[in-house]
Amino acid sequence: MALARHGSGFAAALGAFASQIHPVFMLPPLASSLFGALLTGVESLPLAGLHATAVFAGVYTAHVKDGYVDFFVRGEDDDHPLTATGCRLALAGSTVVFAVCVAGIALLVDLAAALVTAPGWAIGYFHAPQLDTDPVTATAGYPFGIALALLGGYYVQAGTLAPVAVAFAGTFLVVLSGIKVIDDAQDLAYDRSIGKRTVAVVLGRERARRAAFGLMTVGLIAVVAFATAGVFPPTAAAAPAVFGVVALTARRADDRLATMLLIRGSYLFLAVLIAATWFRPWAA
């Protein structure tokens, strides 16, 4: 039973499975899970690790399923490191890991914590070919998964959801949705040719850009508003300034470069928010 399309044996199979770990896309959900835990003061490191593992399994599921659909079903990709059987085995393995983590969260915390975590797998598994063909779900699916990771990370620690967690999750959802619109615009011509309805396909490149930067602006203004209202630490207001510089630069770039800049800018945005939360006692 061949699992890797290039090479044979254990090393080739392991390399093919490992190829589905994409750090650029995996780090934000994992960071959001840990950020949610940080907002509560991290009452339990093992629980934080358990939830982060569930998030990892959910995102891994998304990457494997997306690659399987794009190569074996749609024929969009030129190559894939796993065979169809390898993809199915990887999906089965990540699903088992996710299910075990959710069951552990239900036993160690409560059923509500498991219910907050569980949709992460569904978002990943059904992203392709179901959710990625609609402009709303294609755009908001990944950002919603990140927001959900934050809420789950918080709930697992606190046993409830507070306004600060919901506000941070909502902010991430809006800002990252704007970035996703720019990212999808890179494939405008191809998506249009296969009937894939992203925001760029529906609105056109220029209107989609305006909508994307509009969403990001709303998210940045929300951070300042929440900081002013005392929902966020006052120092969180620095995050929009950092991301705003990157966004202004990205406005003059093409879709590919703009996406690279904005993704890295989102890392800085998250880093500043984490620092603001970590040093909140000093602000007080």
Protein backbone atom coordinates (compact mmCIF):
# COMPACT_ATOMS: atom_id res chain seq x y z
CA MET A 1 0.00 0.00 0.00
CA ALA A 2 1.79 3.12 -1.26
CA LEU A 3 1.34 6.22 0.87
CA ALA A 4 3.86 8.59 -0.74
CA ARG A 5 3.79 9.44 -4.44
CA HIS A 6 7.54 10.08 -4.55
CA GLY A 7 9.62 7.34 -3.01
CA SER A 8 8.82 4.31 -0.91
CA GLY A 9 9.39 3.14 2.61
CA PHE A 10 8.86 4.64 6.04
CA ALA A 11 11.01 7.75 5.51
CA ALA A 12 9.21 8.69 2.30
CA ALA A 13 5.80 8.18 3.91
CA LEU A 14 6.78 10.19 6.97
CA GLY A 15 8.07 13.00 4.78
CA ALA A 16 4.84 13.03 2.78
CA PHE A 17 2.72 13.22 5.94
CA ALA A 18 4.97 15.96 7.35
CA SER A 19 4.64 17.94 4.12
CA GLN A 20 1.04 18.71 5.07
CA ILE A 21 2.21 20.76 8.06
CA HIS A 22 2.29 24.32 6.70
CA PRO A 23 3.71 26.59 9.43
CA VAL A 24 2.56 29.85 7.81
CA PHE A 25 -1.08 28.78 8.08
CA MET A 26 -0.82 26.65 11.21
CA LEU A 27 0.89 29.13 13.50
CA PRO A 28 -1.98 31.68 13.68
CA PRO A 29 -4.61 29.15 14.90
CA LEU A 30 -2.17 27.65 17.40
CA ALA A 31 -1.13 31.10 18.59
CA SER A 32 -4.80 32.05 18.96
CA SER A 33 -5.49 28.98 21.08
CA LEU A 34 -2.60 29.85 23.38
CA PHE A 35 -3.57 33.53 23.33
CA GLY A 36 -7.05 32.56 24.54
CA ALA A 37 -5.44 30.67 27.41
CA LEU A 38 -3.16 33.63 28.12
CA LEU A 39 -6.16 35.93 28.50
CA THR A 40 -7.20 33.91 31.55
CA GLY A 41 -3.71 33.71 33.02
CA VAL A 42 -3.21 30.07 31.90
CA GLU A 43 -4.73 28.16 34.78
CA SER A 44 -3.60 24.79 33.36
CA LEU A 45 -0.74 24.21 30.92
CA PRO A 46 -1.84 20.62 30.16
CA LEU A 47 -5.32 21.85 29.18
CA ALA A 48 -3.77 24.56 27.03
CA GLY A 49 -1.65 21.91 25.33
CA LEU A 50 -4.64 19.61 24.85
CA HIS A 51 -6.67 22.34 23.17
CA ALA A 52 -3.73 23.42 21.01
CA THR A 53 -3.31 19.80 19.89
CA ALA A 54 -6.97 19.69 18.89
CA VAL A 55 -6.49 22.89 16.89
CA PHE A 56 -3.39 21.44 15.21
CA ALA A 57 -5.32 18.29 14.25
CA GLY A 58 -8.17 20.37 12.84
CA VAL A 59 -5.87 22.52 10.70
CA TYR A 60 -3.91 19.45 9.55
CA THR A 61 -7.21 17.91 8.46
CA ALA A 62 -7.94 21.05 6.43
CA HIS A 63 -4.56 20.95 4.68
CA VAL A 64 -4.79 17.27 3.78
CA LYS A 65 -8.39 17.49 2.57
CA ASP A 66 -7.71 20.65 0.59
CA GLY A 67 -4.68 19.08 -1.10
CA TYR A 68 -6.61 15.89 -1.84
CA VAL A 69 -9.49 17.78 -3.45
CA ASP A 70 -7.25 20.14 -5.44
CA PHE A 71 -5.09 17.33 -6.86
CA PHE A 72 -7.20 14.18 -7.03
CA VAL A 73 -10.68 15.70 -7.51
CA ARG A 74 -10.35 19.08 -9.20
CA GLY A 75 -6.99 18.56 -10.89
CA GLU A 76 -5.90 22.09 -9.91
CA ASP A 77 -2.49 21.19 -8.46
CA ASP A 78 0.38 19.81 -10.51
CA ASP A 79 1.58 17.48 -7.79
CA HIS A 80 0.87 16.13 -4.32
CA PRO A 81 3.27 14.25 -2.00
CA LEU A 82 0.63 11.78 -0.74
CA THR A 83 -1.25 9.12 -2.66
CA ALA A 84 -5.03 9.06 -2.39
CA THR A 85 -4.67 6.26 0.16
CA GLY A 86 -2.10 8.29 2.06
CA CYS A 87 -4.49 11.24 2.18
CA ARG A 88 -7.28 9.07 3.55
CA LEU A 89 -4.96 7.61 6.19
CA ALA A 90 -3.75 11.09 7.18
CA LEU A 91 -7.35 12.28 7.45
CA ALA A 92 -8.27 9.29 9.58
CA GLY A 93 -5.29 9.86 11.87
CA SER A 94 -5.91 13.58 12.35
CA THR A 95 -9.61 12.93 12.96
CA VAL A 96 -8.83 10.37 15.65
CA VAL A 97 -6.39 12.76 17.34
CA PHE A 98 -8.98 15.54 17.22
CA ALA A 99 -11.73 13.30 18.60
CA VAL A 100 -9.53 12.12 21.47
CA CYS A 101 -8.65 15.72 22.34
CA VAL A 102 -12.29 16.82 22.28
CA ALA A 103 -13.28 13.85 24.44
CA GLY A 104 -10.51 14.75 26.88
CA ILE A 105 -11.70 18.36 26.99
CA ALA A 106 -15.27 17.20 27.67
CA LEU A 107 -14.08 15.01 30.56
CA LEU A 108 -11.58 17.45 32.07
CA VAL A 109 -13.57 20.67 31.59
CA ASP A 110 -17.20 20.25 30.50
CA LEU A 111 -19.39 19.51 27.49
CA ALA A 112 -19.65 23.17 26.54
CA ALA A 113 -15.86 23.38 26.20
CA ALA A 114 -15.96 20.39 23.85
CA LEU A 115 -18.77 21.99 21.83
CA VAL A 116 -16.75 25.19 21.41
CA THR A 117 -13.78 23.15 20.18
CA ALA A 118 -15.53 20.58 17.97
CA PRO A 119 -16.48 22.83 15.01
CA GLY A 120 -12.78 23.31 14.27
CA TRP A 121 -12.62 19.90 12.61
CA ALA A 122 -15.79 20.50 10.57
CA ILE A 123 -14.46 23.81 9.26
CA GLY A 124 -11.24 22.09 8.19
CA TYR A 125 -12.79 18.98 6.67
CA PHE A 126 -15.57 20.73 4.76
CA HIS A 127 -13.52 23.69 3.58
CA ALA A 128 -12.99 21.92 0.27
CA PRO A 129 -15.00 21.39 -1.79
CA GLN A 130 -18.04 22.65 0.12
CA LEU A 131 -17.17 25.90 1.93
CA ASP A 132 -14.56 27.26 -0.48
CA THR A 133 -17.02 27.82 -3.33
CA ASP A 134 -19.16 30.47 -1.58
CA PRO A 135 -17.80 34.03 -1.20
CA VAL A 136 -18.74 34.26 2.49
CA THR A 137 -17.53 30.86 3.69
CA ALA A 138 -14.51 30.86 1.36
CA THR A 139 -13.43 34.15 2.90
CA ALA A 140 -14.42 33.69 6.54
CA GLY A 141 -13.76 29.97 7.01
CA TYR A 142 -10.09 30.21 8.02
CA PRO A 143 -10.52 33.44 10.06
CA PHE A 144 -13.52 31.91 11.82
CA GLY A 145 -11.41 28.88 12.69
CA ILE A 146 -8.80 31.19 14.25
CA ALA A 147 -11.48 33.07 16.20
CA LEU A 148 -12.93 29.75 17.37
CA ALA A 149 -9.46 28.59 18.48
CA LEU A 150 -9.16 31.69 20.65
CA LEU A 151 -12.60 31.18 22.19
CA GLY A 152 -11.88 27.52 22.84
CA GLY A 153 -8.48 28.25 24.35
CA TYR A 154 -10.13 30.74 26.70
CA TYR A 155 -13.11 28.56 27.63
CA VAL A 156 -10.98 25.50 28.39
CA GLN A 157 -9.12 27.56 31.00
CA ALA A 158 -11.93 29.70 32.42
CA GLY A 159 -14.98 27.45 32.02
CA THR A 160 -16.87 30.41 30.53
CA LEU A 161 -16.58 33.13 27.90
CA ALA A 162 -15.92 36.74 28.88
CA PRO A 163 -16.45 39.87 26.76
CA VAL A 164 -12.68 40.29 26.28
CA ALA A 165 -12.40 36.87 24.59
CA VAL A 166 -15.40 37.48 22.35
CA ALA A 167 -14.09 40.94 21.42
CA PHE A 168 -10.64 39.62 20.50
CA ALA A 169 -12.16 36.77 18.49
CA GLY A 170 -14.42 39.16 16.61
CA THR A 171 -11.53 41.48 15.86
CA PHE A 172 -9.41 38.65 14.48
CA LEU A 173 -12.33 37.43 12.37
CA VAL A 174 -12.82 40.82 10.72
CA VAL A 175 -9.15 41.69 10.15
CA LEU A 176 -8.20 38.24 8.86
CA SER A 177 -11.25 38.10 6.59
CA GLY A 178 -9.96 41.25 4.93
CA ILE A 179 -6.56 39.62 4.39
CA LYS A 180 -8.23 36.50 2.98
CA VAL A 181 -10.05 38.56 0.35
CA ILE A 182 -6.68 39.86 -0.90
CA ASP A 183 -5.23 36.34 -0.79
CA ASP A 184 -8.08 34.92 -2.87
CA ALA A 185 -7.70 37.69 -5.45
CA GLN A 186 -4.39 36.15 -6.52
CA ASP A 187 -6.36 33.34 -8.19
CA LEU A 188 -9.09 35.55 -9.65
CA ALA A 189 -8.73 34.44 -13.27
CA TYR A 190 -8.52 30.74 -12.46
CA ASP A 191 -11.32 30.83 -9.89
CA ARG A 192 -13.55 32.60 -12.39
CA SER A 193 -12.76 30.00 -15.06
CA ILE A 194 -13.91 27.10 -12.83
CA GLY A 195 -16.93 28.89 -11.38
CA LYS A 196 -15.44 29.37 -7.93
CA ARG A 197 -17.20 32.36 -6.36
CA THR A 198 -14.71 34.19 -4.16
CA VAL A 199 -15.25 37.82 -3.18
CA ALA A 200 -12.87 38.90 -5.95
CA VAL A 201 -14.86 36.93 -8.52
CA VAL A 202 -18.17 38.36 -7.35
CA LEU A 203 -17.10 41.98 -6.86
CA GLY A 204 -14.14 42.32 -9.20
CA ARG A 205 -10.55 42.99 -8.18
CA GLU A 206 -10.79 46.70 -7.32
CA ARG A 207 -14.07 46.52 -5.38
CA ALA A 208 -12.82 43.43 -3.56
CA ARG A 209 -9.68 45.35 -2.56
CA ARG A 210 -11.75 48.20 -1.20
CA ALA A 211 -13.91 45.75 0.74
CA ALA A 212 -10.81 43.98 2.09
CA PHE A 213 -9.12 47.12 3.39
CA GLY A 214 -12.48 48.29 4.69
CA LEU A 215 -12.77 45.16 6.81
CA MET A 216 -9.23 45.58 8.11
CA THR A 217 -9.93 49.21 8.97
CA VAL A 218 -13.06 48.26 10.90
CA GLY A 219 -11.08 45.67 12.84
CA LEU A 220 -8.32 48.14 13.73
CA ILE A 221 -10.81 50.80 14.82
CA ALA A 222 -12.54 48.16 16.97
CA VAL A 223 -9.28 47.44 18.81
CA VAL A 224 -8.86 51.11 19.67
CA ALA A 225 -12.50 51.34 20.75
CA PHE A 226 -12.23 48.26 22.96
CA ALA A 227 -8.99 49.57 24.49
CA THR A 228 -10.63 52.92 25.18
CA ALA A 229 -13.65 51.21 26.75
CA GLY A 230 -11.44 49.09 29.00
CA VAL A 231 -12.34 45.76 27.38
CA PHE A 232 -8.77 45.43 26.05
CA PRO A 233 -5.64 46.56 27.93
CA PRO A 234 -4.80 50.19 27.04
CA THR A 235 -1.52 49.08 25.46
CA ALA A 236 -3.49 47.01 22.90
CA ALA A 237 -4.10 50.27 21.04
CA ALA A 238 -0.51 49.98 19.75
CA ALA A 239 -1.46 46.93 17.63
CA PRO A 240 -3.49 48.88 15.04
CA ALA A 241 -0.63 51.32 14.60
CA VAL A 242 1.82 48.49 13.86
CA PHE A 243 -0.53 46.68 11.48
CA GLY A 244 -1.67 49.96 9.91
CA VAL A 245 1.84 50.72 8.67
CA VAL A 246 1.98 47.31 6.97
CA ALA A 247 -1.51 47.71 5.51
CA LEU A 248 -0.66 51.12 4.02
CA THR A 249 2.38 49.59 2.35
CA ALA A 250 0.35 46.65 1.09
CA ARG A 251 -2.22 48.92 -0.56
CA ARG A 252 0.36 49.87 -3.19
CA ALA A 253 1.49 46.27 -3.82
CA ASP A 254 0.09 43.63 -6.14
CA ASP A 255 -2.07 40.84 -4.72
CA ARG A 256 0.80 38.41 -4.16
CA LEU A 257 3.09 40.87 -2.38
CA ALA A 258 0.18 42.43 -0.49
CA THR A 259 -0.82 39.01 0.83
CA MET A 260 2.73 38.28 2.00
CA LEU A 261 2.96 41.65 3.73
CA LEU A 262 -0.46 41.41 5.36
CA ILE A 263 0.08 37.87 6.66
CA ARG A 264 3.33 38.90 8.27
CA GLY A 265 1.68 42.06 9.50
CA SER A 266 -0.99 39.93 11.15
CA TYR A 267 1.78 38.12 13.05
CA LEU A 268 3.00 41.47 14.35
CA PHE A 269 -0.58 42.45 15.17
CA LEU A 270 -1.05 39.30 17.22
CA ALA A 271 2.38 39.67 18.86
CA VAL A 272 1.60 43.19 20.06
CA LEU A 273 -1.78 42.06 21.42
CA ILE A 274 -0.12 39.16 23.26
CA ALA A 275 2.49 41.51 24.72
CA ALA A 276 -0.24 43.97 25.75
CA THR A 277 -2.12 41.19 27.51
CA TRP A 278 1.00 39.70 29.10
CA PHE A 279 2.07 43.02 30.58
CA ARG A 280 -1.42 44.10 31.59
CA PRO A 281 -0.49 44.25 35.31
CA TRP A 282 2.10 46.90 34.46
CA ALA A 283 -0.59 48.94 32.67
CA ALA A 284 -2.73 48.77 35.82
